[in-house]
All heavy atoms as atom14 arrays in JSON, in Angstrom:
{
  "sequence": "AVSHAICLYEHDEEAKQQLFRYGFGMRCVDA",
  "atom14_mask": [
    [1, 1, 1, 1, 1, 0, 0, 0, 0, 0, 0, 0, 0, 0],
    [1, 1, 1, 1, 1, 1, 1, 0, 0, 0, 0, 0, 0, 0],
    [1, 1, 1, 1, 1, 1, 0, 0, 0, 0, 0, 0, 0, 0],
    [1, 1, 1, 1, 1, 1, 1, 1, 1, 1, 0, 0, 0, 0],
    [1, 1, 1, 1, 1, 0, 0, 0, 0, 0, 0, 0, 0, 0],
    [1, 1, 1, 1, 1, 1, 1, 1, 0, 0, 0, 0, 0, 0],
    [1, 1, 1, 1, 1, 1, 0, 0, 0, 0, 0, 0, 0, 0],
    [1, 1, 1, 1, 1, 1, 1, 1, 0, 0, 0, 0, 0, 0],
    [1, 1, 1, 1, 1, 1, 1, 1, 1, 1, 1, 1, 0, 0],
    [1, 1, 1, 1, 1, 1, 1, 1, 1, 0, 0, 0, 0, 0],
    [1, 1, 1, 1, 1, 1, 1, 1, 1, 1, 0, 0, 0, 0],
    [1, 1, 1, 1, 1, 1, 1, 1, 0, 0, 0, 0, 0, 0],
    [1, 1, 1, 1, 1, 1, 1, 1, 1, 0, 0, 0, 0, 0],
    [1, 1, 1, 1, 1, 1, 1, 1, 1, 0, 0, 0, 0, 0],
    [1, 1, 1, 1, 1, 0, 0, 0, 0, 0, 0, 0, 0, 0],
    [1, 1, 1, 1, 1, 1, 1, 1, 1, 0, 0, 0, 0, 0],
    [1, 1, 1, 1, 1, 1, 1, 1, 1, 0, 0, 0, 0, 0],
    [1, 1, 1, 1, 1, 1, 1, 1, 1, 0, 0, 0, 0, 0],
    [1, 1, 1, 1, 1, 1, 1, 1, 0, 0, 0, 0, 0, 0],
    [1, 1, 1, 1, 1, 1, 1, 1, 1, 1, 1, 0, 0, 0],
    [1, 1, 1, 1, 1, 1, 1, 1, 1, 1, 1, 0, 0, 0],
    [1, 1, 1, 1, 1, 1, 1, 1, 1, 1, 1, 1, 0, 0],
    [1, 1, 1, 1, 0, 0, 0, 0, 0, 0, 0, 0, 0, 0],
    [1, 1, 1, 1, 1, 1, 1, 1, 1, 1, 1, 0, 0, 0],
    [1, 1, 1, 1, 0, 0, 0, 0, 0, 0, 0, 0, 0, 0],
    [1, 1, 1, 1, 1, 1, 1, 1, 0, 0, 0, 0, 0, 0],
    [1, 1, 1, 1, 1, 1, 1, 1, 1, 1, 1, 0, 0, 0],
    [1, 1, 1, 1, 1, 1, 0, 0, 0, 0, 0, 0, 0, 0],
    [1, 1, 1, 1, 1, 1, 1, 0, 0, 0, 0, 0, 0, 0],
    [1, 1, 1, 1, 1, 1, 1, 1, 0, 0, 0, 0, 0, 0],
    [1, 1, 1, 1, 1, 0, 0, 0, 0, 0, 0, 0, 0, 0]
  ],
  "atom14_positions": [
    [[6.63, 17.07, -14.78], [7.4, 16.18, -13.92], [6.45, 15.38, -13.02], [5.7, 15.96, -12.24], [8.38, 16.97, -13.06], [0.0, 0.0, 0.0], [0.0, 0.0, 0.0], [0.0, 0.0, 0.0], [0.0, 0.0, 0.0], [0.0, 0.0, 0.0], [0.0, 0.0, 0.0], [0.0, 0.0, 0.0], [0.0, 0.0, 0.0], [0.0, 0.0, 0.0]],
    [[6.54, 14.06, -13.12], [5.67, 13.19, -12.31], [6.45, 12.42, -11.25], [5.87, 11.77, -10.39], [4.88, 12.21, -13.19], [3.93, 12.95, -14.11], [5.83, 11.3, -14.0], [0.0, 0.0, 0.0], [0.0, 0.0, 0.0], [0.0, 0.0, 0.0], [0.0, 0.0, 0.0], [0.0, 0.0, 0.0], [0.0, 0.0, 0.0], [0.0, 0.0, 0.0]],
    [[7.78, 12.47, -11.31], [8.63, 11.85, -10.29], [9.24, 12.96, -9.46], [10.03, 13.77, -9.97], [9.74, 11.0, -10.94], [10.6, 10.47, -9.96], [0.0, 0.0, 0.0], [0.0, 0.0, 0.0], [0.0, 0.0, 0.0], [0.0, 0.0, 0.0], [0.0, 0.0, 0.0], [0.0, 0.0, 0.0], [0.0, 0.0, 0.0], [0.0, 0.0, 0.0]],
    [[8.88, 13.02, -8.18], [9.32, 14.09, -7.29], [10.25, 13.51, -6.23], [9.84, 12.63, -5.46], [8.12, 14.75, -6.61], [7.11, 15.31, -7.56], [5.88, 15.78, -7.16], [7.15, 15.48, -8.92], [5.21, 16.19, -8.21], [5.96, 16.03, -9.3], [0.0, 0.0, 0.0], [0.0, 0.0, 0.0], [0.0, 0.0, 0.0], [0.0, 0.0, 0.0]],
    [[11.48, 13.99, -6.15], [12.45, 13.49, -5.17], [13.0, 14.66, -4.36], [13.35, 15.71, -4.91], [13.59, 12.76, -5.87], [0.0, 0.0, 0.0], [0.0, 0.0, 0.0], [0.0, 0.0, 0.0], [0.0, 0.0, 0.0], [0.0, 0.0, 0.0], [0.0, 0.0, 0.0], [0.0, 0.0, 0.0], [0.0, 0.0, 0.0], [0.0, 0.0, 0.0]],
    [[13.05, 14.46, -3.05], [13.53, 15.5, -2.13], [14.51, 14.86, -1.16], [14.2, 13.87, -0.51], [12.36, 16.15, -1.36], [11.36, 16.77, -2.34], [12.88, 17.19, -0.38], [10.1, 17.32, -1.66], [0.0, 0.0, 0.0], [0.0, 0.0, 0.0], [0.0, 0.0, 0.0], [0.0, 0.0, 0.0], [0.0, 0.0, 0.0], [0.0, 0.0, 0.0]],
    [[15.7, 15.44, -1.06], [16.73, 14.94, -0.15], [16.57, 15.61, 1.21], [16.71, 16.83, 1.33], [18.12, 15.21, -0.73], [19.46, 14.56, 0.27], [0.0, 0.0, 0.0], [0.0, 0.0, 0.0], [0.0, 0.0, 0.0], [0.0, 0.0, 0.0], [0.0, 0.0, 0.0], [0.0, 0.0, 0.0], [0.0, 0.0, 0.0], [0.0, 0.0, 0.0]],
    [[16.29, 14.81, 2.23], [16.15, 15.29, 3.6], [17.28, 14.71, 4.45], [17.9, 13.71, 4.08], [14.8, 14.85, 4.17], [13.55, 15.28, 3.41], [12.32, 14.62, 4.0], [13.41, 16.81, 3.43], [0.0, 0.0, 0.0], [0.0, 0.0, 0.0], [0.0, 0.0, 0.0], [0.0, 0.0, 0.0], [0.0, 0.0, 0.0], [0.0, 0.0, 0.0]],
    [[17.51, 15.32, 5.59], [18.52, 14.78, 6.48], [17.97, 13.57, 7.23], [16.78, 13.48, 7.53], [19.0, 15.85, 7.46], [19.85, 16.89, 6.78], [19.4, 18.2, 6.62], [21.12, 16.57, 6.3], [20.18, 19.16, 5.99], [21.9, 17.51, 5.66], [21.43, 18.8, 5.5], [22.21, 19.73, 4.86], [0.0, 0.0, 0.0], [0.0, 0.0, 0.0]],
    [[18.86, 12.65, 7.53], [18.51, 11.4, 8.2], [17.7, 11.63, 9.47], [16.74, 10.91, 9.76], [19.81, 10.64, 8.54], [19.71, 9.59, 9.62], [19.09, 8.28, 9.14], [18.88, 8.13, 7.93], [18.81, 7.43, 10.01], [0.0, 0.0, 0.0], [0.0, 0.0, 0.0], [0.0, 0.0, 0.0], [0.0, 0.0, 0.0], [0.0, 0.0, 0.0]],
    [[18.05, 12.67, 10.24], [17.4, 12.88, 11.53], [16.31, 13.95, 11.5], [15.85, 14.38, 12.56], [18.46, 13.23, 12.58], [19.41, 12.09, 12.84], [20.58, 11.91, 12.12], [19.32, 11.04, 13.7], [21.19, 10.82, 12.55], [20.45, 10.27, 13.5], [0.0, 0.0, 0.0], [0.0, 0.0, 0.0], [0.0, 0.0, 0.0], [0.0, 0.0, 0.0]],
    [[15.87, 14.34, 10.3], [14.76, 15.28, 10.2], [13.45, 14.48, 10.12], [12.81, 14.4, 9.07], [14.92, 16.17, 8.97], [13.93, 17.33, 8.95], [13.0, 17.33, 9.79], [14.08, 18.22, 8.09], [0.0, 0.0, 0.0], [0.0, 0.0, 0.0], [0.0, 0.0, 0.0], [0.0, 0.0, 0.0], [0.0, 0.0, 0.0], [0.0, 0.0, 0.0]],
    [[13.06, 13.89, 11.22], [11.9, 13.0, 11.25], [10.6, 13.74, 10.95], [9.7, 13.2, 10.31], [11.79, 12.29, 12.59], [12.83, 11.22, 12.8], [12.71, 10.09, 11.78], [11.58, 9.8, 11.34], [13.75, 9.51, 11.42], [0.0, 0.0, 0.0], [0.0, 0.0, 0.0], [0.0, 0.0, 0.0], [0.0, 0.0, 0.0], [0.0, 0.0, 0.0]],
    [[10.49, 14.97, 11.38], [9.23, 15.7, 11.19], [8.97, 15.96, 9.71], [7.84, 15.78, 9.22], [9.25, 17.02, 11.97], [7.89, 17.67, 12.08], [7.85, 18.84, 13.05], [8.83, 19.03, 13.8], [6.84, 19.58, 13.05], [0.0, 0.0, 0.0], [0.0, 0.0, 0.0], [0.0, 0.0, 0.0], [0.0, 0.0, 0.0], [0.0, 0.0, 0.0]],
    [[10.01, 16.36, 8.97], [9.85, 16.59, 7.53], [9.56, 15.28, 6.82], [8.69, 15.21, 5.93], [11.09, 17.25, 6.95], [0.0, 0.0, 0.0], [0.0, 0.0, 0.0], [0.0, 0.0, 0.0], [0.0, 0.0, 0.0], [0.0, 0.0, 0.0], [0.0, 0.0, 0.0], [0.0, 0.0, 0.0], [0.0, 0.0, 0.0], [0.0, 0.0, 0.0]],
    [[10.26, 14.21, 7.21], [10.02, 12.91, 6.56], [8.6, 12.44, 6.79], [7.92, 11.98, 5.85], [11.03, 11.88, 7.08], [12.42, 12.04, 6.5], [13.29, 10.83, 6.77], [13.74, 10.77, 8.21], [14.69, 9.66, 8.45], [0.0, 0.0, 0.0], [0.0, 0.0, 0.0], [0.0, 0.0, 0.0], [0.0, 0.0, 0.0], [0.0, 0.0, 0.0]],
    [[8.13, 12.53, 8.01], [6.78, 12.06, 8.31], [5.73, 12.86, 7.55], [4.72, 12.32, 7.08], [6.51, 12.12, 9.82], [7.28, 11.1, 10.62], [6.99, 9.68, 10.17], [5.84, 9.32, 9.9], [8.03, 8.86, 10.09], [0.0, 0.0, 0.0], [0.0, 0.0, 0.0], [0.0, 0.0, 0.0], [0.0, 0.0, 0.0], [0.0, 0.0, 0.0]],
    [[5.95, 14.17, 7.4], [5.01, 14.99, 6.64], [4.96, 14.56, 5.18], [3.88, 14.4, 4.6], [5.39, 16.47, 6.74], [4.5, 17.39, 5.91], [3.03, 17.29, 6.3], [2.69, 17.5, 7.45], [2.17, 16.97, 5.36], [0.0, 0.0, 0.0], [0.0, 0.0, 0.0], [0.0, 0.0, 0.0], [0.0, 0.0, 0.0], [0.0, 0.0, 0.0]],
    [[6.13, 14.34, 4.59], [6.15, 13.94, 3.19], [5.67, 12.5, 3.0], [5.07, 12.18, 1.97], [7.55, 14.14, 2.61], [7.96, 15.61, 2.48], [9.37, 15.73, 1.91], [6.99, 16.41, 1.63], [0.0, 0.0, 0.0], [0.0, 0.0, 0.0], [0.0, 0.0, 0.0], [0.0, 0.0, 0.0], [0.0, 0.0, 0.0], [0.0, 0.0, 0.0]],
    [[5.89, 11.64, 3.98], [5.3, 10.3, 3.92], [3.78, 10.39, 3.85], [3.13, 9.64, 3.12], [5.72, 9.46, 5.12], [7.16, 9.04, 5.14], [7.75, 8.59, 6.31], [7.94, 9.11, 3.99], [9.08, 8.21, 6.33], [9.28, 8.74, 4.0], [9.85, 8.28, 5.19], [0.0, 0.0, 0.0], [0.0, 0.0, 0.0], [0.0, 0.0, 0.0]],
    [[3.21, 11.33, 4.6], [1.74, 11.5, 4.57], [1.27, 12.02, 3.22], [0.1, 11.87, 2.86], [1.3, 12.46, 5.69], [1.37, 11.84, 7.08], [0.65, 12.7, 8.1], [1.38, 13.92, 8.4], [2.32, 14.02, 9.34], [2.66, 12.96, 10.06], [2.92, 15.17, 9.57], [0.0, 0.0, 0.0], [0.0, 0.0, 0.0], [0.0, 0.0, 0.0]],
    [[2.18, 12.62, 2.47], [1.84, 13.13, 1.14], [2.2, 12.13, 0.04], [2.28, 12.49, -1.13], [2.55, 14.46, 0.89], [1.79, 15.66, 1.43], [0.65, 15.51, 2.23], [2.21, 16.96, 1.14], [-0.03, 16.61, 2.72], [1.52, 18.06, 1.63], [0.41, 17.88, 2.42], [-0.26, 18.98, 2.9], [0.0, 0.0, 0.0], [0.0, 0.0, 0.0]],
    [[2.44, 10.89, 0.41], [2.64, 9.85, -0.59], [4.08, 9.56, -0.96], [4.33, 8.79, -1.9], [0.0, 0.0, 0.0], [0.0, 0.0, 0.0], [0.0, 0.0, 0.0], [0.0, 0.0, 0.0], [0.0, 0.0, 0.0], [0.0, 0.0, 0.0], [0.0, 0.0, 0.0], [0.0, 0.0, 0.0], [0.0, 0.0, 0.0], [0.0, 0.0, 0.0]],
    [[5.03, 10.12, -0.25], [6.43, 9.85, -0.52], [6.88, 8.57, 0.19], [6.31, 8.17, 1.2], [7.32, 11.0, -0.02], [7.31, 12.22, -0.89], [6.24, 13.12, -0.85], [8.37, 12.5, -1.76], [6.23, 14.26, -1.64], [8.36, 13.63, -2.55], [7.3, 14.51, -2.49], [0.0, 0.0, 0.0], [0.0, 0.0, 0.0], [0.0, 0.0, 0.0]],
    [[7.91, 7.96, -0.35], [8.58, 6.83, 0.29], [10.08, 6.99, 0.16], [10.57, 7.68, -0.74], [0.0, 0.0, 0.0], [0.0, 0.0, 0.0], [0.0, 0.0, 0.0], [0.0, 0.0, 0.0], [0.0, 0.0, 0.0], [0.0, 0.0, 0.0], [0.0, 0.0, 0.0], [0.0, 0.0, 0.0], [0.0, 0.0, 0.0], [0.0, 0.0, 0.0]],
    [[10.83, 6.37, 1.06], [12.28, 6.48, 1.01], [12.83, 5.66, -0.15], [12.33, 4.59, -0.47], [12.9, 6.01, 2.32], [14.38, 6.34, 2.44], [15.15, 5.6, 3.9], [14.1, 6.24, 5.2], [0.0, 0.0, 0.0], [0.0, 0.0, 0.0], [0.0, 0.0, 0.0], [0.0, 0.0, 0.0], [0.0, 0.0, 0.0], [0.0, 0.0, 0.0]],
    [[13.91, 6.17, -0.77], [14.53, 5.45, -1.87], [16.06, 5.45, -1.8], [16.67, 4.42, -2.06], [14.08, 6.03, -3.21], [14.89, 5.49, -4.38], [14.11, 5.29, -5.61], [14.96, 4.74, -6.67], [14.51, 4.31, -7.82], [13.23, 4.33, -8.07], [15.34, 3.82, -8.72], [0.0, 0.0, 0.0], [0.0, 0.0, 0.0], [0.0, 0.0, 0.0]],
    [[16.66, 6.58, -1.48], [18.13, 6.68, -1.54], [18.69, 7.19, -0.22], [18.03, 7.94, 0.51], [18.56, 7.63, -2.66], [17.92, 7.18, -4.29], [0.0, 0.0, 0.0], [0.0, 0.0, 0.0], [0.0, 0.0, 0.0], [0.0, 0.0, 0.0], [0.0, 0.0, 0.0], [0.0, 0.0, 0.0], [0.0, 0.0, 0.0], [0.0, 0.0, 0.0]],
    [[19.92, 6.78, 0.06], [20.6, 7.15, 1.3], [22.04, 7.55, 0.97], [22.7, 6.92, 0.15], [20.62, 5.97, 2.29], [21.36, 6.36, 3.58], [19.21, 5.5, 2.61], [0.0, 0.0, 0.0], [0.0, 0.0, 0.0], [0.0, 0.0, 0.0], [0.0, 0.0, 0.0], [0.0, 0.0, 0.0], [0.0, 0.0, 0.0], [0.0, 0.0, 0.0]],
    [[22.53, 8.62, 1.62], [23.94, 8.97, 1.59], [24.51, 8.69, 2.97], [23.87, 9.0, 3.99], [24.14, 10.45, 1.26], [23.79, 10.76, -0.18], [24.57, 10.39, -1.07], [22.73, 11.38, -0.41], [0.0, 0.0, 0.0], [0.0, 0.0, 0.0], [0.0, 0.0, 0.0], [0.0, 0.0, 0.0], [0.0, 0.0, 0.0], [0.0, 0.0, 0.0]],
    [[25.71, 8.1, 3.02], [26.31, 7.75, 4.3], [27.81, 8.03, 4.26], [28.41, 8.15, 3.18], [26.05, 6.28, 4.62], [0.0, 0.0, 0.0], [0.0, 0.0, 0.0], [0.0, 0.0, 0.0], [0.0, 0.0, 0.0], [0.0, 0.0, 0.0], [0.0, 0.0, 0.0], [0.0, 0.0, 0.0], [0.0, 0.0, 0.0], [0.0, 0.0, 0.0]]
  ]
}
């Protein structure tokens, strides 16, 4: 698997920032 996707909560900034540092970018949103 070379495409890695992880669903985080909108307000979990600490987890998002950590994964951004590991090369992740945002793609999908649930509202």
